Amino acid sequence: MVNSILFILKRSLKDRNISVKLTASAHMFTVLGEFSKIRNPSAPVLYKALVFSAVENIDDLTVREFYL
């Protein structure tokens, strides 16, 4: 169940629609915070996906400001 949700969120980070991308990012940051508290083994996967998304969207001002 968790893996399928993470897969959908990671796929949403690459969506063309900016609203979908930002919503997925916001949820991933929330989940990452909770996973970090309980030391869930999926936390590094979320972190890596968010870092890659930040790098891939470096030219998109909206996404970059959201991440900052």
N, C-alpha and C. Protein backbone atom coordinates (compact mmCIF):
# COMPACT_ATOMS: atom_id res chain seq x y z
N MET A 1 0.82 -1.20 0.00
CA MET A 1 0.00 0.00 0.00
C MET A 1 0.87 1.26 0.00
N VAL A 2 1.84 1.31 0.91
CA VAL A 2 2.71 2.49 0.99
C VAL A 2 3.50 2.65 -0.29
N ASN A 3 4.01 1.56 -0.83
CA ASN A 3 4.80 1.64 -2.07
C ASN A 3 3.99 2.16 -3.23
N SER A 4 2.72 1.78 -3.33
CA SER A 4 1.90 2.26 -4.44
C SER A 4 1.59 3.75 -4.30
N ILE A 5 1.39 4.21 -3.06
CA ILE A 5 1.15 5.64 -2.84
C ILE A 5 2.41 6.44 -3.17
N LEU A 6 3.56 5.94 -2.74
CA LEU A 6 4.82 6.62 -3.05
C LEU A 6 5.07 6.66 -4.55
N PHE A 7 4.73 5.58 -5.25
CA PHE A 7 4.89 5.53 -6.69
C PHE A 7 4.03 6.60 -7.37
N ILE A 8 2.80 6.73 -6.94
CA ILE A 8 1.90 7.73 -7.53
C ILE A 8 2.40 9.14 -7.24
N LEU A 9 2.87 9.39 -6.01
CA LEU A 9 3.39 10.72 -5.68
C LEU A 9 4.64 11.04 -6.48
N LYS A 10 5.53 10.07 -6.61
CA LYS A 10 6.75 10.29 -7.39
C LYS A 10 6.42 10.56 -8.86
N ARG A 11 5.45 9.84 -9.39
CA ARG A 11 5.05 10.06 -10.78
C ARG A 11 4.40 11.43 -10.95
N SER A 12 3.68 11.88 -9.92
CA SER A 12 3.03 13.18 -9.98
C SER A 12 4.02 14.33 -9.98
N LEU A 13 5.22 14.11 -9.46
CA LEU A 13 6.25 15.15 -9.48
C LEU A 13 6.68 15.50 -10.90
N LYS A 14 6.43 14.61 -11.84
CA LYS A 14 6.84 14.83 -13.23
C LYS A 14 5.67 15.26 -14.11
N ASP A 15 4.53 15.51 -13.51
CA ASP A 15 3.35 15.92 -14.27
C ASP A 15 3.56 17.29 -14.90
N ARG A 16 2.91 17.51 -16.03
CA ARG A 16 3.04 18.80 -16.71
C ARG A 16 2.26 19.90 -16.00
N ASN A 17 1.21 19.52 -15.31
CA ASN A 17 0.37 20.48 -14.60
C ASN A 17 1.08 20.92 -13.32
N ILE A 18 1.29 22.21 -13.18
CA ILE A 18 2.03 22.74 -12.04
C ILE A 18 1.28 22.51 -10.73
N SER A 19 -0.05 22.55 -10.76
CA SER A 19 -0.83 22.32 -9.54
C SER A 19 -0.64 20.90 -9.02
N VAL A 20 -0.63 19.95 -9.92
CA VAL A 20 -0.41 18.55 -9.54
C VAL A 20 0.98 18.38 -8.96
N LYS A 21 1.96 18.99 -9.61
CA LYS A 21 3.35 18.89 -9.17
C LYS A 21 3.54 19.48 -7.77
N LEU A 22 2.97 20.65 -7.53
CA LEU A 22 3.13 21.30 -6.23
C LEU A 22 2.36 20.58 -5.14
N THR A 23 1.18 20.07 -5.47
CA THR A 23 0.40 19.33 -4.49
C THR A 23 1.12 18.04 -4.09
N ALA A 24 1.67 17.33 -5.06
CA ALA A 24 2.42 16.12 -4.78
C ALA A 24 3.64 16.45 -3.91
N SER A 25 4.32 17.52 -4.24
CA SER A 25 5.50 17.93 -3.46
C SER A 25 5.11 18.25 -2.02
N ALA A 26 4.03 18.97 -1.84
CA ALA A 26 3.58 19.33 -0.49
C ALA A 26 3.27 18.09 0.32
N HIS A 27 2.57 17.14 -0.28
CA HIS A 27 2.24 15.91 0.44
C HIS A 27 3.49 15.09 0.74
N MET A 28 4.43 15.10 -0.19
CA MET A 28 5.66 14.34 0.03
C MET A 28 6.48 14.95 1.17
N PHE A 29 6.52 16.27 1.27
CA PHE A 29 7.22 16.91 2.38
C PHE A 29 6.55 16.56 3.70
N THR A 30 5.23 16.53 3.73
CA THR A 30 4.50 16.17 4.95
C THR A 30 4.78 14.73 5.35
N VAL A 31 4.69 13.84 4.38
CA VAL A 31 4.95 12.42 4.65
C VAL A 31 6.41 12.21 5.07
N LEU A 32 7.32 12.93 4.42
CA LEU A 32 8.74 12.81 4.77
C LEU A 32 8.97 13.21 6.23
N GLY A 33 8.32 14.27 6.66
CA GLY A 33 8.45 14.69 8.05
C GLY A 33 7.97 13.62 9.02
N GLU A 34 6.84 13.02 8.72
CA GLU A 34 6.30 11.97 9.58
C GLU A 34 7.17 10.71 9.53
N PHE A 35 7.61 10.33 8.33
CA PHE A 35 8.46 9.15 8.20
C PHE A 35 9.78 9.34 8.92
N SER A 36 10.29 10.56 8.92
CA SER A 36 11.55 10.83 9.61
C SER A 36 11.40 10.66 11.11
N LYS A 37 10.26 11.08 11.64
CA LYS A 37 10.02 10.96 13.08
C LYS A 37 10.01 9.50 13.53
N ILE A 38 9.43 8.64 12.70
CA ILE A 38 9.32 7.23 13.09
C ILE A 38 10.41 6.37 12.47
N ARG A 39 11.34 7.01 11.79
CA ARG A 39 12.47 6.32 11.14
C ARG A 39 12.01 5.22 10.18
N ASN A 40 11.05 5.59 9.34
CA ASN A 40 10.54 4.66 8.33
C ASN A 40 11.60 4.47 7.26
N PRO A 41 11.81 3.25 6.79
CA PRO A 41 12.84 3.02 5.77
C PRO A 41 12.53 3.66 4.41
N SER A 42 11.32 4.13 4.21
CA SER A 42 10.96 4.78 2.94
C SER A 42 11.31 6.27 2.94
N ALA A 43 11.72 6.81 4.07
CA ALA A 43 12.06 8.24 4.15
C ALA A 43 13.16 8.63 3.17
N PRO A 44 14.25 7.86 3.06
CA PRO A 44 15.28 8.24 2.09
C PRO A 44 14.79 8.23 0.64
N VAL A 45 13.84 7.35 0.34
CA VAL A 45 13.27 7.31 -1.02
C VAL A 45 12.52 8.60 -1.32
N LEU A 46 11.75 9.06 -0.34
CA LEU A 46 11.03 10.34 -0.50
C LEU A 46 12.00 11.50 -0.65
N TYR A 47 13.00 11.52 0.20
CA TYR A 47 13.99 12.59 0.15
C TYR A 47 14.68 12.64 -1.21
N LYS A 48 15.08 11.49 -1.70
CA LYS A 48 15.75 11.41 -3.00
C LYS A 48 14.83 11.89 -4.12
N ALA A 49 13.57 11.52 -4.08
CA ALA A 49 12.62 11.96 -5.11
C ALA A 49 12.44 13.47 -5.08
N LEU A 50 12.38 14.05 -3.89
CA LEU A 50 12.23 15.50 -3.78
C LEU A 50 13.49 16.23 -4.27
N VAL A 51 14.65 15.69 -3.96
CA VAL A 51 15.90 16.31 -4.43
C VAL A 51 15.98 16.26 -5.95
N PHE A 52 15.67 15.11 -6.53
CA PHE A 52 15.69 15.00 -7.98
C PHE A 52 14.68 15.94 -8.62
N SER A 53 13.52 16.07 -8.00
CA SER A 53 12.51 16.99 -8.53
C SER A 53 13.01 18.44 -8.49
N ALA A 54 13.68 18.79 -7.41
CA ALA A 54 14.22 20.15 -7.31
C ALA A 54 15.26 20.41 -8.40
N VAL A 55 16.10 19.42 -8.66
CA VAL A 55 17.12 19.58 -9.69
C VAL A 55 16.49 19.63 -11.09
N GLU A 56 15.50 18.78 -11.33
CA GLU A 56 14.86 18.75 -12.64
C GLU A 56 14.05 20.01 -12.93
N ASN A 57 13.60 20.69 -11.89
CA ASN A 57 12.76 21.87 -12.07
C ASN A 57 13.46 23.16 -11.69
N ILE A 58 14.78 23.17 -11.80
CA ILE A 58 15.55 24.34 -11.38
C ILE A 58 15.19 25.59 -12.19
N ASP A 59 14.75 25.40 -13.43
CA ASP A 59 14.40 26.54 -14.27
C ASP A 59 12.97 27.03 -14.07
N ASP A 60 12.17 26.27 -13.36
CA ASP A 60 10.77 26.65 -13.10
C ASP A 60 10.72 27.46 -11.82
N LEU A 61 10.49 28.76 -11.96
CA LEU A 61 10.53 29.67 -10.82
C LEU A 61 9.50 29.31 -9.75
N THR A 62 8.31 28.90 -10.15
CA THR A 62 7.27 28.56 -9.19
C THR A 62 7.67 27.38 -8.33
N VAL A 63 8.16 26.33 -8.95
CA VAL A 63 8.58 25.14 -8.21
C VAL A 63 9.78 25.46 -7.33
N ARG A 64 10.72 26.20 -7.87
CA ARG A 64 11.92 26.54 -7.10
C ARG A 64 11.56 27.35 -5.85
N GLU A 65 10.66 28.33 -5.99
CA GLU A 65 10.23 29.12 -4.84
C GLU A 65 9.50 28.26 -3.83
N PHE A 66 8.68 27.33 -4.31
CA PHE A 66 7.95 26.44 -3.41
C PHE A 66 8.93 25.61 -2.59
N TYR A 67 9.95 25.07 -3.23
CA TYR A 67 10.92 24.23 -2.54
C TYR A 67 11.73 25.04 -1.54
N LEU A 68 12.02 26.29 -1.86
CA LEU A 68 12.77 27.12 -0.93
C LEU A 68 11.92 27.45 0.27
